[in-house]
Amino acid sequence: MNSMIRREPMCQSPAFKIPTHLLIRTGTEAEVKGVNPPMLKIGDIELKNRVVLAPMAGVCNPAFRLIAKEFGTGLVCAEMVSDKAILSGNKRTHEMLFVDEREKPLSLQIFGGDRHSLVEAAKVVDQDTNADIIDINMGCPAPKINKIDAGARWLLDPNKINEMVAAVVANVSKPVTVKMRIGWDHDHIYVVDNAKAVEAAGGQAISVHGRTREQLYTGQADWSYIKQAKEAVSIPIIGNGDVVTPEDAKRMLEMTGCDGVMIGRGALGNPWMLYRTVEYLNTGTLAPDPTAEEKIRIAILHMDRLIALKGEVVAVREMRKHLSWYLKGLKGSARIKDSIMEETKRDEMVRILHQFLEDLPHQVGSDADHEAVPFVQVQCATPAQASV
């Protein structure tokens, strides 16, 4: 085992602590008052609700995960990390394994095709991070991942799934879960056998994306296979795929009987989707969409958190794609997207966004119409304040 990793637990890394002045002050932190919603339990980890943020590569770093948590998400999942990278102990991987205490409970996802290295990587996550859950990726459709016998490649062999999951479970103390797709392609859908293999191996929960590897992210997710998986096992099943509105989440729960709903692309630039889903499932109330001002405020906060984590140069460049998502659907936003995609400075990016707000003819709806939506009450930090 790499001694560098052993000497300094990754959960303690001070270089990646998000400053408290960059927290969202919502008062209730998007929790619904006076309601005892159905909870989801994974092993001995109890979640406060059934809404889960999917592990999205290049998105689910601490900056966005903490926003998702503040908007009420029951469980946040970190982006997947290679077993080989974990064992090499390089700086970037060290950063990817960092967990802010305020994000918990959190699931940290690993992938790999070799039993020995996967087990050793899982042991690092188990012993040297403060993640609550270890998730194994069995759904990534990327050819470079499948070529090393990892990700969705496992979907073709229930026996390998059982062997690999059992090996990890036997060597860690934290709950082990799996994220899978329904199958490799239309002719090789083994979701029931694969789910049974995970359960028999000691897995504590399964997230099922209703698409095959061949579909990638196209076409429609087939929720009927999520229902089949739920009926085949006794451990929690979390449904995933085509959940882009709170109504979609409720419909998935009702149609499949699944225990939780995982939201991925529907939350890109739209953490309000997470909050609105939690409230809708708990109370039946559909909270309004955020105003343009609210979107810009959270977008700037997101950028400042990225700066605190990665520095201005990297963060502003990375934030370009996020800003395109935050601005999606806002009238007139197309005219500033080219400027955003070329900008390299935080203050100039903020100026562009504030100018966009000033140029809007008016905000639709009154303040009362939006009081149910979490509203940030902190002043966005300058790059100097954001440094740690």
Protein backbone atom coordinates (compact mmCIF):
# COMPACT_ATOMS: atom_id res chain seq x y z
CA MET A 1 0.00 0.00 0.00
CA ASN A 2 1.17 3.49 -0.85
CA SER A 3 2.60 4.97 2.35
CA MET A 4 1.66 8.51 1.41
CA ILE A 5 -2.01 7.60 1.51
CA ARG A 6 -1.65 5.81 4.83
CA ARG A 7 0.10 8.69 6.58
CA GLU A 8 -2.52 11.32 5.85
CA PRO A 9 -6.18 10.26 5.79
CA MET A 10 -7.79 11.84 2.76
CA CYS A 11 -10.76 13.09 4.73
CA GLN A 12 -8.45 15.40 6.67
CA SER A 13 -6.89 17.27 3.74
CA PRO A 14 -6.99 20.96 4.77
CA ALA A 15 -6.29 22.16 1.23
CA PHE A 16 -9.81 21.23 0.16
CA LYS A 17 -11.90 22.56 3.03
CA ILE A 18 -14.73 24.72 1.68
CA PRO A 19 -14.80 27.97 3.73
CA THR A 20 -17.88 28.47 5.94
CA HIS A 21 -18.55 31.88 4.39
CA LEU A 22 -19.32 30.05 1.15
CA LEU A 23 -22.19 28.07 2.67
CA ILE A 24 -25.77 28.61 1.63
CA ARG A 25 -27.81 30.18 4.44
CA THR A 26 -31.29 28.82 3.85
CA GLY A 27 -32.44 28.67 7.45
CA THR A 28 -33.87 25.18 7.05
CA GLU A 29 -31.25 24.02 4.57
CA ALA A 30 -34.10 22.89 2.29
CA GLU A 31 -35.57 20.57 4.90
CA VAL A 32 -39.35 20.37 4.98
CA LYS A 33 -40.73 21.38 8.36
CA GLY A 34 -43.31 19.31 10.20
CA VAL A 35 -42.99 16.31 7.90
CA ASN A 36 -41.65 12.84 8.61
CA PRO A 37 -40.82 11.63 5.08
CA PRO A 38 -40.09 8.01 4.17
CA MET A 39 -36.40 7.32 4.67
CA LEU A 40 -33.98 5.15 2.77
CA LYS A 41 -31.53 2.98 4.68
CA ILE A 42 -28.38 1.48 3.13
CA GLY A 43 -26.71 -0.90 5.53
CA ASP A 44 -26.49 1.07 8.76
CA ILE A 45 -26.60 4.44 6.98
CA GLU A 46 -29.94 6.21 7.29
CA LEU A 47 -30.79 8.86 4.70
CA LYS A 48 -33.28 11.61 5.51
CA ASN A 49 -35.16 11.10 2.24
CA ARG A 50 -35.20 9.06 -0.97
CA VAL A 51 -33.50 11.52 -3.33
CA VAL A 52 -29.95 10.69 -4.44
CA LEU A 53 -27.51 12.74 -6.53
CA ALA A 54 -25.93 10.53 -9.22
CA PRO A 55 -22.12 10.21 -9.47
CA MET A 56 -21.37 12.32 -12.56
CA ALA A 57 -17.81 12.53 -13.86
CA GLY A 58 -16.46 16.06 -14.01
CA VAL A 59 -19.42 17.39 -12.02
CA CYS A 60 -19.73 15.77 -8.59
CA ASN A 61 -16.79 17.36 -6.80
CA PRO A 62 -17.20 18.83 -3.29
CA ALA A 63 -18.31 22.22 -4.64
CA PHE A 64 -21.42 20.86 -6.35
CA ARG A 65 -22.04 18.02 -3.91
CA LEU A 66 -22.29 20.46 -1.02
CA ILE A 67 -24.79 22.57 -2.94
CA ALA A 68 -26.84 19.41 -3.59
CA LYS A 69 -26.72 18.57 0.11
CA GLU A 70 -27.79 22.08 1.10
CA PHE A 71 -30.71 21.77 -1.29
CA GLY A 72 -31.94 18.77 0.68
CA THR A 73 -30.53 15.73 -1.13
CA GLY A 74 -30.59 12.60 1.01
CA LEU A 75 -27.38 11.11 -0.41
CA VAL A 76 -24.69 12.60 -2.64
CA CYS A 77 -22.37 10.44 -4.73
CA ALA A 78 -18.84 11.39 -5.73
CA GLU A 79 -17.61 10.93 -9.29
CA MET A 80 -16.03 7.55 -10.00
CA VAL A 81 -12.34 6.98 -9.32
CA SER A 82 -10.11 4.28 -10.83
CA ASP A 83 -8.80 1.58 -8.48
CA LYS A 84 -5.36 1.91 -10.08
CA ALA A 85 -5.35 5.67 -9.55
CA ILE A 86 -6.27 5.27 -5.89
CA LEU A 87 -3.40 2.86 -5.35
CA SER A 88 -0.93 5.12 -7.14
CA GLY A 89 -1.74 7.87 -4.64
CA ASN A 90 -1.37 10.77 -7.10
CA LYS A 91 -2.42 14.31 -6.11
CA ARG A 92 -5.49 14.52 -8.37
CA THR A 93 -6.88 11.26 -7.01
CA HIS A 94 -6.15 12.42 -3.46
CA GLU A 95 -8.33 15.45 -4.20
CA MET A 96 -11.13 13.35 -5.68
CA LEU A 97 -11.35 11.25 -2.52
CA PHE A 98 -11.79 14.25 -0.24
CA VAL A 99 -15.11 14.38 1.61
CA ASP A 100 -16.30 17.53 3.39
CA GLU A 101 -18.07 16.59 6.64
CA ARG A 102 -20.99 18.78 5.61
CA GLU A 103 -21.68 16.56 2.58
CA LYS A 104 -22.35 13.43 4.58
CA PRO A 105 -23.78 10.91 4.11
CA LEU A 106 -21.77 10.41 0.93
CA SER A 107 -21.09 7.50 -1.40
CA LEU A 108 -17.68 7.24 -3.05
CA GLN A 109 -17.62 5.29 -6.31
CA ILE A 110 -14.72 3.16 -7.57
CA PHE A 111 -14.21 1.13 -10.73
CA GLY A 112 -11.80 -1.49 -11.99
CA GLY A 113 -11.56 -4.85 -13.71
CA ASP A 114 -8.94 -6.59 -11.58
CA ARG A 115 -10.09 -8.24 -8.36
CA HIS A 116 -6.94 -7.58 -6.35
CA SER A 117 -6.61 -3.89 -7.21
CA LEU A 118 -10.34 -3.28 -6.74
CA VAL A 119 -10.24 -4.81 -3.26
CA GLU A 120 -7.13 -2.85 -2.29
CA ALA A 121 -8.67 0.40 -3.54
CA ALA A 122 -11.85 -0.34 -1.62
CA LYS A 123 -9.78 -0.82 1.52
CA VAL A 124 -8.25 2.63 1.06
CA VAL A 125 -11.71 4.18 0.75
CA ASP A 126 -12.87 2.18 3.77
CA GLN A 127 -9.96 3.02 6.05
CA ASP A 128 -8.55 6.33 4.83
CA THR A 129 -11.59 8.42 3.85
CA ASN A 130 -14.70 9.47 5.70
CA ALA A 131 -17.07 8.39 2.93
CA ASP A 132 -20.05 6.50 4.31
CA ILE A 133 -20.67 4.09 1.43
CA ILE A 134 -18.43 2.36 -1.13
CA ASP A 135 -20.09 2.12 -4.53
CA ILE A 136 -18.83 -0.06 -7.40
CA ASN A 137 -19.43 1.19 -10.93
CA MET A 138 -21.00 -1.37 -13.24
CA GLY A 139 -22.70 1.06 -15.58
CA CYS A 140 -20.09 3.27 -17.26
CA PRO A 141 -20.45 2.77 -21.04
CA ALA A 142 -17.15 4.42 -22.03
CA PRO A 143 -15.08 2.16 -24.33
CA LYS A 144 -11.84 2.98 -22.49
CA ILE A 145 -13.44 1.73 -19.26
CA ASN A 146 -15.05 -1.35 -20.78
CA LYS A 147 -11.79 -2.24 -22.53
CA ILE A 148 -10.15 -2.89 -19.14
CA ASP A 149 -13.02 -5.20 -18.17
CA ALA A 150 -14.59 -2.56 -15.94
CA GLY A 151 -17.81 -0.53 -15.81
CA ALA A 152 -20.66 -1.89 -17.92
CA ARG A 153 -18.53 -4.83 -19.09
CA TRP A 154 -19.49 -6.67 -15.90
CA LEU A 155 -23.14 -6.72 -17.02
CA LEU A 156 -22.41 -9.70 -19.25
CA ASP A 157 -21.31 -11.96 -16.39
CA PRO A 158 -23.38 -12.33 -13.20
CA ASN A 159 -20.78 -14.75 -11.81
CA LYS A 160 -18.04 -12.13 -12.04
CA ILE A 161 -20.32 -9.59 -10.40
CA ASN A 162 -20.86 -11.96 -7.49
CA GLU A 163 -17.16 -12.74 -7.19
CA MET A 164 -15.96 -9.12 -7.31
CA VAL A 165 -18.61 -7.68 -5.00
CA ALA A 166 -18.13 -10.51 -2.49
CA ALA A 167 -14.38 -9.90 -2.45
CA VAL A 168 -14.86 -6.21 -1.70
CA VAL A 169 -17.53 -6.84 0.95
CA ALA A 170 -15.25 -9.32 2.73
CA ASN A 171 -12.49 -6.73 3.08
CA VAL A 172 -14.30 -3.56 4.16
CA SER A 173 -16.55 -2.47 7.00
CA LYS A 174 -18.57 0.18 5.17
CA PRO A 175 -21.70 -0.72 3.18
CA VAL A 176 -20.98 -1.73 -0.41
CA THR A 177 -23.41 -0.80 -3.19
CA VAL A 178 -23.45 -1.15 -6.96
CA LYS A 179 -24.56 1.16 -9.77
CA MET A 180 -25.53 -0.77 -12.89
CA ARG A 181 -27.39 -0.50 -16.15
CA ILE A 182 -30.10 -2.96 -17.14
CA GLY A 183 -27.81 -4.75 -19.60
CA TRP A 184 -25.12 -4.60 -22.24
CA ASP A 185 -27.52 -4.33 -25.18
CA HIS A 186 -31.11 -5.31 -25.99
CA ASP A 187 -30.09 -8.94 -26.49
CA HIS A 188 -28.13 -9.16 -23.23
CA ILE A 189 -30.31 -7.79 -20.43
CA TYR A 190 -29.46 -9.70 -17.26
CA VAL A 191 -30.63 -7.14 -14.73
CA VAL A 192 -32.47 -9.68 -12.56
CA ASP A 193 -29.57 -12.14 -12.44
CA ASN A 194 -27.10 -9.31 -11.87
CA ALA A 195 -29.17 -7.83 -9.05
CA LYS A 196 -29.42 -11.25 -7.39
CA ALA A 197 -25.66 -11.66 -7.74
CA VAL A 198 -25.06 -8.37 -5.94
CA GLU A 199 -27.42 -9.29 -3.12
CA ALA A 200 -25.92 -12.77 -2.71
CA ALA A 201 -22.46 -11.20 -2.51
CA GLY A 202 -23.45 -8.96 0.37
CA GLY A 203 -24.19 -5.75 -1.48
CA GLN A 204 -26.43 -3.40 0.50
CA ALA A 205 -28.19 -1.54 -2.32
CA ILE A 206 -28.28 -1.25 -6.11
CA SER A 207 -28.84 1.78 -8.34
CA VAL A 208 -30.34 0.71 -11.67
CA HIS A 209 -30.16 2.96 -14.74
CA GLY A 210 -32.95 1.96 -17.09
CA ARG A 211 -30.77 1.96 -20.21
CA THR A 212 -28.38 -0.54 -21.76
CA ARG A 213 -24.72 0.14 -22.34
CA GLU A 214 -25.43 0.26 -26.09
CA GLN A 215 -27.94 3.09 -25.61
CA LEU A 216 -25.39 5.28 -23.84
CA TYR A 217 -27.57 8.27 -22.90
CA THR A 218 -29.90 8.15 -25.90
CA GLY A 219 -33.40 6.81 -26.31
CA GLN A 220 -35.68 6.22 -23.37
CA ALA A 221 -34.95 4.56 -20.04
CA ASP A 222 -37.05 1.42 -19.57
CA TRP A 223 -38.33 1.57 -16.02
CA SER A 224 -39.96 -1.87 -16.29
CA TYR A 225 -36.53 -3.43 -15.73
CA ILE A 226 -36.07 -1.37 -12.57
CA LYS A 227 -39.35 -2.88 -11.37
CA GLN A 228 -38.06 -6.38 -12.20
CA ALA A 229 -34.90 -5.77 -10.19
CA LYS A 230 -36.92 -4.49 -7.24
CA GLU A 231 -39.14 -7.57 -7.25
CA ALA A 232 -36.13 -9.91 -7.47
CA VAL A 233 -34.20 -8.77 -4.39
CA SER A 234 -34.84 -7.60 -0.85
CA ILE A 235 -32.10 -4.92 -0.68
CA PRO A 236 -32.96 -1.32 -1.66
CA ILE A 237 -33.21 -0.51 -5.36
CA ILE A 238 -32.63 3.09 -6.44
CA GLY A 239 -34.09 3.95 -9.84
CA ASN A 240 -32.22 6.12 -12.33
CA GLY A 241 -32.84 7.43 -15.83
CA ASP A 242 -35.09 10.13 -17.33
CA VAL A 243 -35.96 11.76 -14.00
CA VAL A 244 -35.97 15.44 -14.97
CA THR A 245 -38.97 16.73 -13.00
CA PRO A 246 -40.33 16.06 -9.51
CA GLU A 247 -43.34 14.44 -11.17
CA ASP A 248 -41.00 12.01 -12.95
CA ALA A 249 -39.53 10.99 -9.60
CA LYS A 250 -42.94 10.28 -8.09
CA ARG A 251 -44.03 8.36 -11.16
CA MET A 252 -40.87 6.21 -11.06
CA LEU A 253 -41.44 5.35 -7.39
CA GLU A 254 -45.05 4.42 -8.10
CA MET A 255 -44.40 2.47 -11.31
CA THR A 256 -41.39 0.48 -10.13
CA GLY A 257 -41.78 0.25 -6.37
CA CYS A 258 -38.14 1.28 -6.05
CA ASP A 259 -36.85 2.60 -2.74
CA GLY A 260 -35.17 5.76 -3.96
CA VAL A 261 -34.69 7.98 -7.00
CA MET A 262 -31.29 8.95 -8.39
CA ILE A 263 -31.11 12.24 -10.26
CA GLY A 264 -28.23 12.99 -12.62
CA ARG A 265 -28.46 15.20 -15.68
CA GLY A 266 -31.70 16.74 -14.41
CA ALA A 267 -29.68 18.48 -11.68
CA LEU A 268 -27.02 20.00 -13.96
CA GLY A 269 -27.17 23.72 -13.37
CA ASN A 270 -30.42 23.03 -11.54
CA PRO A 271 -29.98 21.97 -7.90
CA TRP A 272 -33.51 23.30 -7.38
CA MET A 273 -34.65 20.10 -9.08
CA LEU A 274 -33.31 18.22 -6.06
CA TYR A 275 -35.04 20.48 -3.54
CA ARG A 276 -38.31 20.53 -5.50
CA THR A 277 -38.28 16.73 -5.75
CA VAL A 278 -37.70 16.27 -2.03
CA GLU A 279 -40.56 18.62 -1.19
CA TYR A 280 -42.90 17.15 -3.80
CA LEU A 281 -42.34 13.59 -2.59
CA ASN A 282 -42.73 14.61 1.04
CA THR A 283 -45.69 16.99 0.85
CA GLY A 284 -47.20 16.82 -2.64
CA THR A 285 -46.39 20.51 -3.06
CA LEU A 286 -44.66 21.54 -6.27
CA ALA A 287 -42.35 24.43 -5.44
CA PRO A 288 -41.87 27.09 -8.15
CA ASP A 289 -38.85 27.26 -10.40
CA PRO A 290 -36.11 29.68 -9.32
CA THR A 291 -35.88 33.20 -10.67
CA ALA A 292 -33.04 34.25 -12.93
CA GLU A 293 -31.48 36.13 -10.00
CA GLU A 294 -31.53 33.02 -7.82
CA LYS A 295 -29.90 30.99 -10.58
CA ILE A 296 -27.11 33.52 -11.02
CA ARG A 297 -26.51 33.81 -7.25
CA ILE A 298 -26.05 30.05 -6.87
CA ALA A 299 -23.96 29.86 -10.05
CA ILE A 300 -21.54 32.46 -8.64
CA LEU A 301 -21.43 30.68 -5.31
CA HIS A 302 -20.67 27.44 -7.16
CA MET A 303 -17.83 29.16 -9.00
CA ASP A 304 -16.38 30.60 -5.77
CA ARG A 305 -16.39 27.16 -4.19
CA LEU A 306 -14.57 25.73 -7.19
CA ILE A 307 -12.01 28.52 -6.86
CA ALA A 308 -11.56 27.63 -3.21
CA LEU A 309 -10.91 24.04 -4.23
CA LYS A 310 -8.94 24.35 -7.45
CA GLY A 311 -7.73 27.92 -7.88
CA GLU A 312 -9.11 30.59 -10.19
CA VAL A 313 -7.51 29.44 -13.46
CA VAL A 314 -8.81 25.86 -13.32
CA ALA A 315 -12.11 26.69 -11.65
CA VAL A 316 -13.21 29.42 -14.06
CA ARG A 317 -12.43 27.21 -17.03
CA GLU A 318 -14.32 24.30 -15.48
CA MET A 319 -17.23 26.55 -14.57
CA ARG A 320 -17.95 27.43 -18.19
CA LYS A 321 -19.96 24.25 -18.78
CA HIS A 322 -21.80 24.67 -15.49
CA LEU A 323 -22.79 28.22 -16.37
CA SER A 324 -24.24 27.06 -19.68
CA TRP A 325 -26.44 24.70 -17.65
CA TYR A 326 -27.43 27.36 -15.11
CA LEU A 327 -28.39 29.73 -17.92
CA LYS A 328 -30.38 27.15 -19.87
CA GLY A 329 -33.93 28.33 -20.40
CA LEU A 330 -33.27 31.93 -19.38
CA LYS A 331 -34.43 34.35 -22.05
CA GLY A 332 -31.57 36.13 -23.79
CA SER A 333 -28.84 33.93 -22.30
CA ALA A 334 -27.62 32.83 -25.73
CA ARG A 335 -26.06 36.24 -26.31
CA ILE A 336 -23.60 35.88 -23.41
CA LYS A 337 -22.63 32.23 -23.82
CA ASP A 338 -19.78 32.97 -26.25
CA SER A 339 -18.30 35.45 -23.76
CA ILE A 340 -18.60 32.96 -20.93
CA MET A 341 -16.90 30.22 -22.92
CA GLU A 342 -13.87 32.50 -23.49
CA GLU A 343 -13.58 34.09 -20.05
CA THR A 344 -10.68 33.22 -17.72
CA LYS A 345 -11.20 35.64 -14.79
CA ARG A 346 -13.65 35.26 -11.93
CA ASP A 347 -14.50 38.95 -11.54
CA GLU A 348 -15.11 39.40 -15.26
CA MET A 349 -17.36 36.32 -15.27
CA VAL A 350 -19.36 37.84 -12.41
CA ARG A 351 -19.61 41.15 -14.29
CA ILE A 352 -21.00 39.38 -17.37
CA LEU A 353 -23.59 37.55 -15.28
CA HIS A 354 -24.66 40.67 -13.35
CA GLN A 355 -24.94 42.64 -16.60
CA PHE A 356 -27.12 39.86 -17.99
CA LEU A 357 -29.46 40.25 -15.01
CA GLU A 358 -29.60 44.03 -15.40
CA ASP A 359 -30.50 43.66 -19.07
CA LEU A 360 -33.45 41.40 -18.34
CA PRO A 361 -36.71 43.33 -18.88
CA HIS A 362 -38.21 42.10 -15.58
CA GLN A 363 -38.39 39.13 -13.26
CA VAL A 364 -41.48 36.96 -13.69
CA GLY A 365 -43.43 36.45 -10.46
CA SER A 366 -43.30 38.09 -7.06
CA ASP A 367 -41.02 37.37 -4.14
CA ALA A 368 -43.90 35.58 -2.46
CA ASP A 369 -44.16 33.24 -5.42
CA HIS A 370 -40.62 32.05 -4.75
CA GLU A 371 -40.36 31.99 -0.98
CA ALA A 372 -40.45 28.16 -0.93
CA VAL A 373 -37.26 27.94 -2.94
CA PRO A 374 -33.94 28.07 -1.02
CA PHE A 375 -32.39 31.49 -1.46
CA VAL A 376 -28.72 32.17 -0.87
CA GLN A 377 -28.11 34.90 1.69
CA VAL A 378 -24.34 35.12 1.61
CA GLN A 379 -22.22 37.59 -0.28
CA CYS A 380 -20.15 35.80 -2.90
CA ALA A 381 -16.50 35.90 -2.04
CA THR A 382 -13.69 37.49 -3.99
CA PRO A 383 -10.89 35.14 -5.12
CA ALA A 384 -8.80 36.31 -2.15
CA GLN A 385 -11.58 35.43 0.30
CA ALA A 386 -12.16 32.12 -1.42
CA SER A 387 -8.60 30.94 -0.97
CA VAL A 388 -7.99 28.48 1.86
